[in-house]
Amino acid sequence: MKILNIPKISLFLFIIFACKENKQDKIESVFAGETSKKWYAYSIDSIHCAQAFYPFRVFEFFKDGRQIQYINNYTTKNLDTIPKDDLYNPEKWFIISDSIVSIDSYKNSKNGYYHKNTSKILYYNKDTIILQGTKRSNYEGVLILTRYKEKEKNK
């Protein structure tokens, strides 16, 4: 029986682990792609359950951590950019760990710092992301993100 020597085993393991994609990089590529991706946002919680199951927001995530949030206008079928104010900061998104992200934050009026609302990633693939708010953020609703498809313009 032939016994493999230690350097060959080490080289083999190094190649296997070097080729494996980092989980945070994979999450980043699902959310933002090469440059940016837009996502419909469906919220399932006690506040939004009275509303129809309609994607009220569209999130656009960029690879560099920027984000733009749009209001998905039901009557005009257009995306209206949410005006910037001082209370909410929807301009950044963060990958906290390999299963936690923060896609929104709000300003603490006492100290002036922004508190990140964190969400646990329950499921993701190239077309769907399912997030659940964490107890730390005091929000336990479910947010479903589905890929936004640009409308074809009639010529």
C-alpha atoms as a PDB file:
ATOM      1  CA  MET A   1       0.000   0.000   0.000  1.00  0.00           C
ATOM      2  CA  LYS A   2       1.323   3.378  -0.982  1.00  0.00           C
ATOM      3  CA  ILE A   3       1.289   6.122   1.585  1.00  0.00           C
ATOM      4  CA  LEU A   4       0.927   9.699   0.334  1.00  0.00           C
ATOM      5  CA  ASN A   5       3.434  12.028   1.816  1.00  0.00           C
ATOM      6  CA  ILE A   6       2.412  15.117   3.762  1.00  0.00           C
ATOM      7  CA  PRO A   7       3.382  17.769   1.145  1.00  0.00           C
ATOM      8  CA  LYS A   8       1.148  16.180  -1.519  1.00  0.00           C
ATOM      9  CA  ILE A   9      -1.828  16.046   0.849  1.00  0.00           C
ATOM     10  CA  SER A  10      -1.217  19.641   1.943  1.00  0.00           C
ATOM     11  CA  LEU A  11      -1.029  20.841  -1.657  1.00  0.00           C
ATOM     12  CA  PHE A  12      -4.246  18.995  -2.531  1.00  0.00           C
ATOM     13  CA  LEU A  13      -6.125  20.498   0.452  1.00  0.00           C
ATOM     14  CA  PHE A  14      -4.770  23.972  -0.302  1.00  0.00           C
ATOM     15  CA  ILE A  15      -6.022  23.789  -3.908  1.00  0.00           C
ATOM     16  CA  ILE A  16      -9.470  22.584  -2.805  1.00  0.00           C
ATOM     17  CA  PHE A  17      -9.922  25.334  -0.198  1.00  0.00           C
ATOM     18  CA  ALA A  18      -8.415  28.059  -2.392  1.00  0.00           C
ATOM     19  CA  CYS A  19     -10.949  27.366  -5.144  1.00  0.00           C
ATOM     20  CA  LYS A  20     -13.907  27.404  -2.784  1.00  0.00           C
ATOM     21  CA  GLU A  21     -15.801  30.712  -2.944  1.00  0.00           C
ATOM     22  CA  ASN A  22     -16.048  32.663   0.291  1.00  0.00           C
ATOM     23  CA  LYS A  23     -19.644  32.657   1.600  1.00  0.00           C
ATOM     24  CA  GLN A  24     -19.672  36.443   2.089  1.00  0.00           C
ATOM     25  CA  ASP A  25     -18.465  36.931  -1.503  1.00  0.00           C
ATOM     26  CA  LYS A  26     -21.251  34.659  -2.699  1.00  0.00           C
ATOM     27  CA  ILE A  27     -23.868  36.659  -0.743  1.00  0.00           C
ATOM     28  CA  GLU A  28     -22.447  39.886  -2.192  1.00  0.00           C
ATOM     29  CA  SER A  29     -22.662  38.526  -5.735  1.00  0.00           C
ATOM     30  CA  VAL A  30     -26.270  37.381  -5.203  1.00  0.00           C
ATOM     31  CA  PHE A  31     -27.333  40.779  -3.816  1.00  0.00           C
ATOM     32  CA  ALA A  32     -25.369  43.022  -6.199  1.00  0.00           C
ATOM     33  CA  GLY A  33     -23.970  40.983  -9.090  1.00  0.00           C
ATOM     34  CA  GLU A  34     -21.094  42.531 -11.029  1.00  0.00           C
ATOM     35  CA  THR A  35     -22.273  46.124 -10.623  1.00  0.00           C
ATOM     36  CA  SER A  36     -25.828  46.314  -9.246  1.00  0.00           C
ATOM     37  CA  LYS A  37     -29.137  44.453  -9.043  1.00  0.00           C
ATOM     38  CA  LYS A  38     -32.683  45.602  -8.366  1.00  0.00           C
ATOM     39  CA  TRP A  39     -35.056  43.618  -6.165  1.00  0.00           C
ATOM     40  CA  TYR A  40     -38.798  43.818  -5.476  1.00  0.00           C
ATOM     41  CA  ALA A  41     -39.442  43.846  -1.709  1.00  0.00           C
ATOM     42  CA  TYR A  42     -42.439  42.021  -0.247  1.00  0.00           C
ATOM     43  CA  SER A  43     -42.933  42.467   3.494  1.00  0.00           C
ATOM     44  CA  ILE A  44     -44.803  39.893   5.563  1.00  0.00           C
ATOM     45  CA  ASP A  45     -45.479  41.224   9.050  1.00  0.00           C
ATOM     46  CA  SER A  46     -48.292  42.592  11.189  1.00  0.00           C
ATOM     47  CA  ILE A  47     -47.942  46.114   9.762  1.00  0.00           C
ATOM     48  CA  HIS A  48     -48.133  45.168   6.084  1.00  0.00           C
ATOM     49  CA  CYS A  49     -50.593  42.245   6.282  1.00  0.00           C
ATOM     50  CA  ALA A  50     -53.593  44.559   5.770  1.00  0.00           C
ATOM     51  CA  GLN A  51     -52.118  45.688   2.452  1.00  0.00           C
ATOM     52  CA  ALA A  52     -52.299  43.519  -0.632  1.00  0.00           C
ATOM     53  CA  PHE A  53     -49.273  41.388  -1.382  1.00  0.00           C
ATOM     54  CA  TYR A  54     -47.713  44.126  -3.492  1.00  0.00           C
ATOM     55  CA  PRO A  55     -44.007  44.965  -3.780  1.00  0.00           C
ATOM     56  CA  PHE A  56     -44.087  48.376  -2.136  1.00  0.00           C
ATOM     57  CA  ARG A  57     -40.357  48.999  -2.529  1.00  0.00           C
ATOM     58  CA  VAL A  58     -37.594  48.204  -4.948  1.00  0.00           C
ATOM     59  CA  PHE A  59     -34.066  47.959  -3.565  1.00  0.00           C
ATOM     60  CA  GLU A  60     -31.003  48.419  -5.763  1.00  0.00           C
ATOM     61  CA  PHE A  61     -27.815  47.039  -4.235  1.00  0.00           C
ATOM     62  CA  PHE A  62     -24.398  47.994  -5.601  1.00  0.00           C
ATOM     63  CA  LYS A  63     -21.193  45.988  -5.288  1.00  0.00           C
ATOM     64  CA  ASP A  64     -19.439  48.815  -3.384  1.00  0.00           C
ATOM     65  CA  GLY A  65     -22.048  48.817  -0.575  1.00  0.00           C
ATOM     66  CA  ARG A  66     -24.214  51.658  -1.834  1.00  0.00           C
ATOM     67  CA  GLN A  67     -27.938  51.211  -2.193  1.00  0.00           C
ATOM     68  CA  ILE A  68     -30.892  53.096  -3.636  1.00  0.00           C
ATOM     69  CA  GLN A  69     -34.440  52.469  -2.486  1.00  0.00           C
ATOM     70  CA  TYR A  70     -37.393  53.224  -4.721  1.00  0.00           C
ATOM     71  CA  ILE A  71     -41.122  53.420  -4.058  1.00  0.00           C
ATOM     72  CA  ASN A  72     -42.868  51.112  -6.504  1.00  0.00           C
ATOM     73  CA  ASN A  73     -45.757  53.391  -7.499  1.00  0.00           C
ATOM     74  CA  TYR A  74     -48.833  51.235  -8.084  1.00  0.00           C
ATOM     75  CA  THR A  75     -50.783  53.776 -10.129  1.00  0.00           C
ATOM     76  CA  THR A  76     -48.041  54.986 -12.478  1.00  0.00           C
ATOM     77  CA  LYS A  77     -46.018  51.732 -12.505  1.00  0.00           C
ATOM     78  CA  ASN A  78     -42.884  53.859 -12.143  1.00  0.00           C
ATOM     79  CA  LEU A  79     -40.081  53.750  -9.613  1.00  0.00           C
ATOM     80  CA  ASP A  80     -39.893  56.925  -7.536  1.00  0.00           C
ATOM     81  CA  THR A  81     -36.661  57.525  -5.641  1.00  0.00           C
ATOM     82  CA  ILE A  82     -37.211  57.856  -1.911  1.00  0.00           C
ATOM     83  CA  PRO A  83     -36.257  61.376  -0.836  1.00  0.00           C
ATOM     84  CA  LYS A  84     -33.288  61.540   1.483  1.00  0.00           C
ATOM     85  CA  ASP A  85     -33.982  62.643   5.016  1.00  0.00           C
ATOM     86  CA  ASP A  86     -32.022  62.623   8.219  1.00  0.00           C
ATOM     87  CA  LEU A  87     -33.941  59.888  10.042  1.00  0.00           C
ATOM     88  CA  TYR A  88     -33.430  56.919   7.718  1.00  0.00           C
ATOM     89  CA  ASN A  89     -30.233  56.087   5.912  1.00  0.00           C
ATOM     90  CA  PRO A  90     -31.058  53.743   3.045  1.00  0.00           C
ATOM     91  CA  GLU A  91     -27.813  54.564   1.285  1.00  0.00           C
ATOM     92  CA  LYS A  92     -25.689  51.667   2.568  1.00  0.00           C
ATOM     93  CA  TRP A  93     -26.049  47.935   3.023  1.00  0.00           C
ATOM     94  CA  PHE A  94     -23.696  45.703   4.960  1.00  0.00           C
ATOM     95  CA  ILE A  95     -22.860  42.033   5.190  1.00  0.00           C
ATOM     96  CA  ILE A  96     -22.468  41.469   8.927  1.00  0.00           C
ATOM     97  CA  SER A  97     -21.550  37.769   8.782  1.00  0.00           C
ATOM     98  CA  ASP A  98     -22.129  34.792   6.519  1.00  0.00           C
ATOM     99  CA  SER A  99     -25.836  34.722   7.438  1.00  0.00           C
ATOM    100  CA  ILE A 100     -26.685  38.274   8.653  1.00  0.00           C
ATOM    101  CA  VAL A 101     -27.124  41.439   6.545  1.00  0.00           C
ATOM    102  CA  SER A 102     -28.250  44.979   7.247  1.00  0.00           C
ATOM    103  CA  ILE A 103     -30.179  46.710   4.477  1.00  0.00           C
ATOM    104  CA  ASP A 104     -31.648  49.611   6.435  1.00  0.00           C
ATOM    105  CA  SER A 105     -30.853  51.816   9.396  1.00  0.00           C
ATOM    106  CA  TYR A 106     -32.427  54.630  11.347  1.00  0.00           C
ATOM    107  CA  LYS A 107     -31.003  57.540  13.307  1.00  0.00           C
ATOM    108  CA  ASN A 108     -31.013  57.601  17.092  1.00  0.00           C
ATOM    109  CA  SER A 109     -32.143  61.135  17.898  1.00  0.00           C
ATOM    110  CA  LYS A 110     -30.287  61.188  21.235  1.00  0.00           C
ATOM    111  CA  ASN A 111     -26.782  60.365  20.079  1.00  0.00           C
ATOM    112  CA  GLY A 112     -27.018  60.981  16.318  1.00  0.00           C
ATOM    113  CA  TYR A 113     -25.723  57.543  15.305  1.00  0.00           C
ATOM    114  CA  TYR A 114     -27.487  55.251  12.853  1.00  0.00           C
ATOM    115  CA  HIS A 115     -28.728  51.933  14.224  1.00  0.00           C
ATOM    116  CA  LYS A 116     -28.487  49.084  11.712  1.00  0.00           C
ATOM    117  CA  ASN A 117     -31.499  46.789  11.467  1.00  0.00           C
ATOM    118  CA  THR A 118     -30.159  43.307  10.917  1.00  0.00           C
ATOM    119  CA  SER A 119     -31.821  40.455   9.077  1.00  0.00           C
ATOM    120  CA  LYS A 120     -30.983  36.775   8.988  1.00  0.00           C
ATOM    121  CA  ILE A 121     -30.696  35.235   5.531  1.00  0.00           C
ATOM    122  CA  LEU A 122     -33.074  32.276   5.500  1.00  0.00           C
ATOM    123  CA  TYR A 123     -32.688  31.424   1.806  1.00  0.00           C
ATOM    124  CA  TYR A 124     -31.106  32.853  -1.310  1.00  0.00           C
ATOM    125  CA  ASN A 125     -30.516  32.025  -4.943  1.00  0.00           C
ATOM    126  CA  LYS A 126     -30.047  34.142  -8.074  1.00  0.00           C
ATOM    127  CA  ASP A 127     -33.733  35.198  -8.213  1.00  0.00           C
ATOM    128  CA  THR A 128     -34.988  35.141  -4.604  1.00  0.00           C
ATOM    129  CA  ILE A 129     -33.731  36.223  -1.188  1.00  0.00           C
ATOM    130  CA  ILE A 130     -35.720  35.585   1.995  1.00  0.00           C
ATOM    131  CA  LEU A 131     -34.742  37.589   5.088  1.00  0.00           C
ATOM    132  CA  GLN A 132     -36.108  37.525   8.622  1.00  0.00           C
ATOM    133  CA  GLY A 133     -35.585  40.355  11.083  1.00  0.00           C
ATOM    134  CA  THR A 134     -33.622  39.513  14.209  1.00  0.00           C
ATOM    135  CA  LYS A 135     -34.718  40.016  17.806  1.00  0.00           C
ATOM    136  CA  ARG A 136     -31.809  42.385  18.292  1.00  0.00           C
ATOM    137  CA  SER A 137     -33.387  44.708  15.727  1.00  0.00           C
ATOM    138  CA  ASN A 138     -36.766  44.301  17.429  1.00  0.00           C
ATOM    139  CA  TYR A 139     -38.310  43.432  14.073  1.00  0.00           C
ATOM    140  CA  GLU A 140     -39.226  39.847  13.346  1.00  0.00           C
ATOM    141  CA  GLY A 141     -41.083  40.212  10.044  1.00  0.00           C
ATOM    142  CA  VAL A 142     -40.111  38.399   6.866  1.00  0.00           C
ATOM    143  CA  LEU A 143     -38.870  40.271   3.807  1.00  0.00           C
ATOM    144  CA  ILE A 144     -38.934  38.504   0.450  1.00  0.00           C
ATOM    145  CA  LEU A 145     -36.788  39.993  -2.312  1.00  0.00           C
ATOM    146  CA  THR A 146     -37.404  38.862  -5.898  1.00  0.00           C
ATOM    147  CA  ARG A 147     -35.474  39.996  -8.956  1.00  0.00           C
ATOM    148  CA  TYR A 148     -36.792  43.176 -10.549  1.00  0.00           C
ATOM    149  CA  LYS A 149     -37.289  42.848 -14.253  1.00  0.00           C
ATOM    150  CA  GLU A 150     -36.922  46.025 -16.276  1.00  0.00           C
ATOM    151  CA  LYS A 151     -39.935  46.802 -18.450  1.00  0.00           C
ATOM    152  CA  GLU A 152     -39.369  46.751 -22.165  1.00  0.00           C
ATOM    153  CA  LYS A 153     -40.015  50.170 -23.640  1.00  0.00           C
ATOM    154  CA  ASN A 154     -42.309  50.338 -26.650  1.00  0.00           C
ATOM    155  CA  LYS A 155     -40.713  51.954 -29.655  1.00  0.00           C
END
